[in-house]
């Protein structure tokens, strides 16, 4: 256990941030799964910009590596394009 006040505060802050980050990562992964389960191209195209925004936000906060974000966005765009 930490002995300094600053270390104890850092532990509290990290725990709070971890919960916050986990929520946003999980909600983004769920949104990706929902998009991949769609079969209607119009609906998928409607959801794509919001999903790209979520992915970009995670990349900006370093929760996703920028290359991972780019690969995800590319793959999702390609998936939507192939829907008929």
N, C-alpha and C. Protein backbone atom coordinates (compact mmCIF):
# COMPACT_ATOMS: atom_id res chain seq x y z
N UNK A 1 0.84 -1.18 0.00
CA UNK A 1 0.00 0.00 0.00
C UNK A 1 0.89 1.24 0.00
N UNK A 2 0.41 2.26 -0.68
CA UNK A 2 1.18 3.50 -0.78
C UNK A 2 1.24 4.21 0.57
N UNK A 3 2.36 4.85 0.84
CA UNK A 3 2.54 5.54 2.11
C UNK A 3 2.37 7.06 1.98
N UNK A 4 2.57 7.59 0.78
CA UNK A 4 2.48 9.03 0.58
C UNK A 4 1.08 9.42 0.12
N UNK A 5 0.66 10.59 0.53
CA UNK A 5 -0.66 11.08 0.14
C UNK A 5 -0.79 11.19 -1.38
N UNK A 6 0.27 11.65 -2.02
CA UNK A 6 0.21 11.83 -3.47
C UNK A 6 0.08 10.48 -4.18
N UNK A 7 0.75 9.45 -3.64
CA UNK A 7 0.66 8.12 -4.24
C UNK A 7 -0.73 7.53 -4.04
N UNK A 8 -1.33 7.80 -2.88
CA UNK A 8 -2.69 7.31 -2.63
C UNK A 8 -3.68 7.99 -3.57
N UNK A 9 -3.48 9.29 -3.77
CA UNK A 9 -4.36 10.03 -4.70
C UNK A 9 -4.20 9.50 -6.12
N UNK A 10 -2.97 9.23 -6.50
CA UNK A 10 -2.72 8.71 -7.85
C UNK A 10 -3.43 7.37 -8.03
N UNK A 11 -3.42 6.52 -7.02
CA UNK A 11 -4.10 5.22 -7.09
C UNK A 11 -5.60 5.43 -7.27
N UNK A 12 -6.18 6.39 -6.53
CA UNK A 12 -7.60 6.67 -6.67
C UNK A 12 -7.92 7.20 -8.07
N UNK A 13 -7.09 8.10 -8.57
CA UNK A 13 -7.32 8.67 -9.89
C UNK A 13 -7.20 7.60 -10.98
N UNK A 14 -6.21 6.74 -10.84
CA UNK A 14 -6.01 5.68 -11.84
C UNK A 14 -7.19 4.73 -11.87
N UNK A 15 -7.73 4.41 -10.70
CA UNK A 15 -8.88 3.51 -10.65
C UNK A 15 -10.08 4.14 -11.34
N UNK A 16 -10.28 5.41 -11.11
CA UNK A 16 -11.39 6.12 -11.72
C UNK A 16 -11.22 6.18 -13.24
N UNK A 17 -10.00 6.49 -13.68
CA UNK A 17 -9.71 6.56 -15.11
C UNK A 17 -9.87 5.20 -15.78
N UNK A 18 -9.44 4.15 -15.07
CA UNK A 18 -9.53 2.81 -15.64
C UNK A 18 -10.98 2.44 -15.91
N UNK A 19 -11.87 2.75 -14.96
CA UNK A 19 -13.30 2.49 -15.16
C UNK A 19 -13.85 3.29 -16.33
N UNK A 20 -13.49 4.55 -16.39
CA UNK A 20 -13.95 5.44 -17.45
C UNK A 20 -13.49 4.92 -18.81
N UNK A 21 -12.21 4.57 -18.92
CA UNK A 21 -11.65 4.08 -20.18
C UNK A 21 -12.28 2.75 -20.58
N UNK A 22 -12.51 1.88 -19.59
CA UNK A 22 -13.09 0.58 -19.88
C UNK A 22 -14.49 0.73 -20.46
N UNK A 23 -15.25 1.68 -19.90
CA UNK A 23 -16.61 1.94 -20.40
C UNK A 23 -16.58 2.36 -21.86
N UNK A 24 -15.72 3.31 -22.22
CA UNK A 24 -15.66 3.81 -23.59
C UNK A 24 -15.13 2.78 -24.56
N UNK A 25 -14.13 1.99 -24.14
CA UNK A 25 -13.62 0.94 -25.02
C UNK A 25 -14.68 -0.12 -25.27
N UNK A 26 -15.39 -0.52 -24.22
CA UNK A 26 -16.40 -1.56 -24.34
C UNK A 26 -17.57 -1.07 -25.21
N UNK A 27 -17.99 0.16 -25.00
CA UNK A 27 -19.11 0.67 -25.80
C UNK A 27 -18.72 0.78 -27.28
N UNK A 28 -17.47 1.11 -27.55
CA UNK A 28 -17.01 1.17 -28.94
C UNK A 28 -16.95 -0.23 -29.55
N UNK A 29 -16.44 -1.20 -28.78
CA UNK A 29 -16.40 -2.58 -29.30
C UNK A 29 -17.81 -3.10 -29.56
N UNK A 30 -18.75 -2.77 -28.70
CA UNK A 30 -20.14 -3.20 -28.89
C UNK A 30 -20.73 -2.56 -30.14
N UNK A 31 -20.43 -1.29 -30.36
CA UNK A 31 -20.93 -0.59 -31.54
C UNK A 31 -20.35 -1.21 -32.82
N UNK A 32 -19.08 -1.60 -32.76
CA UNK A 32 -18.45 -2.25 -33.92
C UNK A 32 -19.14 -3.58 -34.20
N UNK A 33 -19.40 -4.34 -33.15
CA UNK A 33 -20.07 -5.64 -33.32
C UNK A 33 -21.48 -5.45 -33.88
N UNK A 34 -22.18 -4.42 -33.40
CA UNK A 34 -23.53 -4.15 -33.93
C UNK A 34 -23.48 -3.81 -35.41
N UNK A 35 -22.49 -3.00 -35.80
CA UNK A 35 -22.36 -2.62 -37.20
C UNK A 35 -22.06 -3.84 -38.06
N UNK A 36 -21.17 -4.70 -37.57
CA UNK A 36 -20.80 -5.89 -38.35
C UNK A 36 -21.94 -6.88 -38.47
N UNK A 37 -22.92 -6.80 -37.57
CA UNK A 37 -24.06 -7.73 -37.65
C UNK A 37 -25.16 -7.21 -38.56
N UNK A 38 -25.04 -5.95 -39.01
CA UNK A 38 -26.07 -5.38 -39.88
C UNK A 38 -26.00 -5.98 -41.28
N UNK A 39 -27.14 -6.04 -41.92
CA UNK A 39 -27.19 -6.51 -43.31
C UNK A 39 -27.76 -5.44 -44.23
N UNK A 40 -28.26 -4.35 -43.66
CA UNK A 40 -28.83 -3.25 -44.44
C UNK A 40 -27.76 -2.19 -44.67
N UNK A 41 -27.43 -1.94 -45.94
CA UNK A 41 -26.35 -1.02 -46.26
C UNK A 41 -26.66 0.41 -45.85
N UNK A 42 -27.90 0.83 -46.04
CA UNK A 42 -28.28 2.21 -45.70
C UNK A 42 -28.13 2.46 -44.20
N UNK A 43 -28.57 1.51 -43.40
CA UNK A 43 -28.46 1.64 -41.95
C UNK A 43 -26.99 1.66 -41.52
N UNK A 44 -26.19 0.80 -42.14
CA UNK A 44 -24.77 0.73 -41.80
C UNK A 44 -24.07 2.04 -42.16
N UNK A 45 -24.40 2.60 -43.32
CA UNK A 45 -23.79 3.87 -43.73
C UNK A 45 -24.19 5.00 -42.79
N UNK A 46 -25.39 4.90 -42.24
CA UNK A 46 -25.86 5.92 -41.31
C UNK A 46 -25.09 5.86 -39.98
N UNK A 47 -24.73 4.65 -39.55
CA UNK A 47 -24.03 4.48 -38.27
C UNK A 47 -22.52 4.69 -38.38
N UNK A 48 -22.00 4.61 -39.58
CA UNK A 48 -20.54 4.64 -39.77
C UNK A 48 -19.87 5.93 -39.25
N UNK A 49 -20.39 7.13 -39.55
CA UNK A 49 -19.69 8.34 -39.06
C UNK A 49 -19.61 8.42 -37.53
N UNK A 50 -20.66 8.02 -36.84
CA UNK A 50 -20.64 8.05 -35.38
C UNK A 50 -19.61 7.06 -34.85
N UNK A 51 -19.51 5.91 -35.48
CA UNK A 51 -18.55 4.90 -35.06
C UNK A 51 -17.12 5.37 -35.32
N UNK A 52 -16.90 6.02 -36.47
CA UNK A 52 -15.57 6.57 -36.76
C UNK A 52 -15.19 7.60 -35.71
N UNK A 53 -16.14 8.39 -35.30
CA UNK A 53 -15.90 9.40 -34.28
C UNK A 53 -15.49 8.75 -32.96
N UNK A 54 -16.17 7.68 -32.58
CA UNK A 54 -15.83 6.97 -31.34
C UNK A 54 -14.41 6.42 -31.41
N UNK A 55 -14.08 5.81 -32.54
CA UNK A 55 -12.75 5.22 -32.72
C UNK A 55 -11.67 6.31 -32.67
N UNK A 56 -11.93 7.44 -33.35
CA UNK A 56 -10.96 8.54 -33.34
C UNK A 56 -10.75 9.09 -31.94
N UNK A 57 -11.82 9.16 -31.16
CA UNK A 57 -11.72 9.67 -29.80
C UNK A 57 -10.83 8.75 -28.95
N UNK A 58 -10.99 7.43 -29.13
CA UNK A 58 -10.15 6.49 -28.38
C UNK A 58 -8.69 6.60 -28.81
N UNK A 59 -8.47 6.80 -30.10
CA UNK A 59 -7.09 6.93 -30.59
C UNK A 59 -6.46 8.21 -30.07
N UNK A 60 -7.25 9.28 -30.00
CA UNK A 60 -6.73 10.55 -29.52
C UNK A 60 -6.32 10.45 -28.05
N UNK A 61 -7.03 9.64 -27.28
CA UNK A 61 -6.72 9.47 -25.86
C UNK A 61 -5.75 8.32 -25.61
N UNK A 62 -5.19 7.76 -26.67
CA UNK A 62 -4.22 6.67 -26.60
C UNK A 62 -4.80 5.40 -25.98
N UNK A 63 -6.11 5.19 -26.12
CA UNK A 63 -6.71 3.93 -25.67
C UNK A 63 -6.63 2.91 -26.80
N UNK A 64 -6.62 3.38 -28.03
CA UNK A 64 -6.31 2.56 -29.21
C UNK A 64 -5.08 3.17 -29.84
N UNK A 65 -4.17 2.34 -30.32
CA UNK A 65 -3.05 2.84 -31.09
C UNK A 65 -3.59 3.45 -32.37
N UNK A 66 -2.93 4.47 -32.89
CA UNK A 66 -3.44 5.16 -34.07
C UNK A 66 -3.53 4.22 -35.27
N UNK A 67 -2.59 3.27 -35.38
CA UNK A 67 -2.65 2.31 -36.49
C UNK A 67 -3.83 1.37 -36.34
N UNK A 68 -4.11 0.95 -35.12
CA UNK A 68 -5.26 0.08 -34.87
C UNK A 68 -6.54 0.80 -35.25
N UNK A 69 -6.63 2.08 -34.90
CA UNK A 69 -7.81 2.87 -35.24
C UNK A 69 -7.96 2.96 -36.76
N UNK A 70 -6.86 3.21 -37.45
CA UNK A 70 -6.90 3.32 -38.90
C UNK A 70 -7.32 1.99 -39.53
N UNK A 71 -6.77 0.89 -39.02
CA UNK A 71 -7.12 -0.42 -39.56
C UNK A 71 -8.59 -0.74 -39.31
N UNK A 72 -9.09 -0.41 -38.13
CA UNK A 72 -10.50 -0.65 -37.82
C UNK A 72 -11.40 0.15 -38.76
N UNK A 73 -11.09 1.43 -38.92
CA UNK A 73 -11.91 2.29 -39.77
C UNK A 73 -11.90 1.80 -41.22
N UNK A 74 -10.72 1.40 -41.67
CA UNK A 74 -10.59 0.91 -43.04
C UNK A 74 -11.41 -0.37 -43.23
N UNK A 75 -11.28 -1.27 -42.28
CA UNK A 75 -12.01 -2.55 -42.38
C UNK A 75 -13.52 -2.37 -42.31
N UNK A 76 -13.96 -1.46 -41.46
CA UNK A 76 -15.40 -1.21 -41.34
C UNK A 76 -15.95 -0.54 -42.60
N UNK A 77 -15.20 0.40 -43.16
CA UNK A 77 -15.62 1.04 -44.39
C UNK A 77 -15.70 0.03 -45.52
N UNK A 78 -14.75 -0.87 -45.56
CA UNK A 78 -14.74 -1.90 -46.58
C UNK A 78 -15.93 -2.85 -46.39
N UNK A 79 -16.23 -3.18 -45.15
CA UNK A 79 -17.37 -4.04 -44.86
C UNK A 79 -18.68 -3.41 -45.32
N UNK A 80 -18.86 -2.14 -45.01
CA UNK A 80 -20.08 -1.42 -45.40
C UNK A 80 -20.19 -1.34 -46.92
N UNK A 81 -19.05 -1.15 -47.56
CA UNK A 81 -19.03 -1.06 -49.03
C UNK A 81 -19.49 -2.35 -49.69
N UNK A 82 -19.15 -3.50 -49.06
CA UNK A 82 -19.49 -4.78 -49.67
C UNK A 82 -20.93 -5.22 -49.38
N UNK A 83 -21.59 -4.50 -48.44
CA UNK A 83 -22.98 -4.87 -48.16
C UNK A 83 -23.84 -4.61 -49.38
N UNK A 84 -24.83 -5.48 -49.57
CA UNK A 84 -25.67 -5.31 -50.75
C UNK A 84 -27.03 -5.07 -50.34
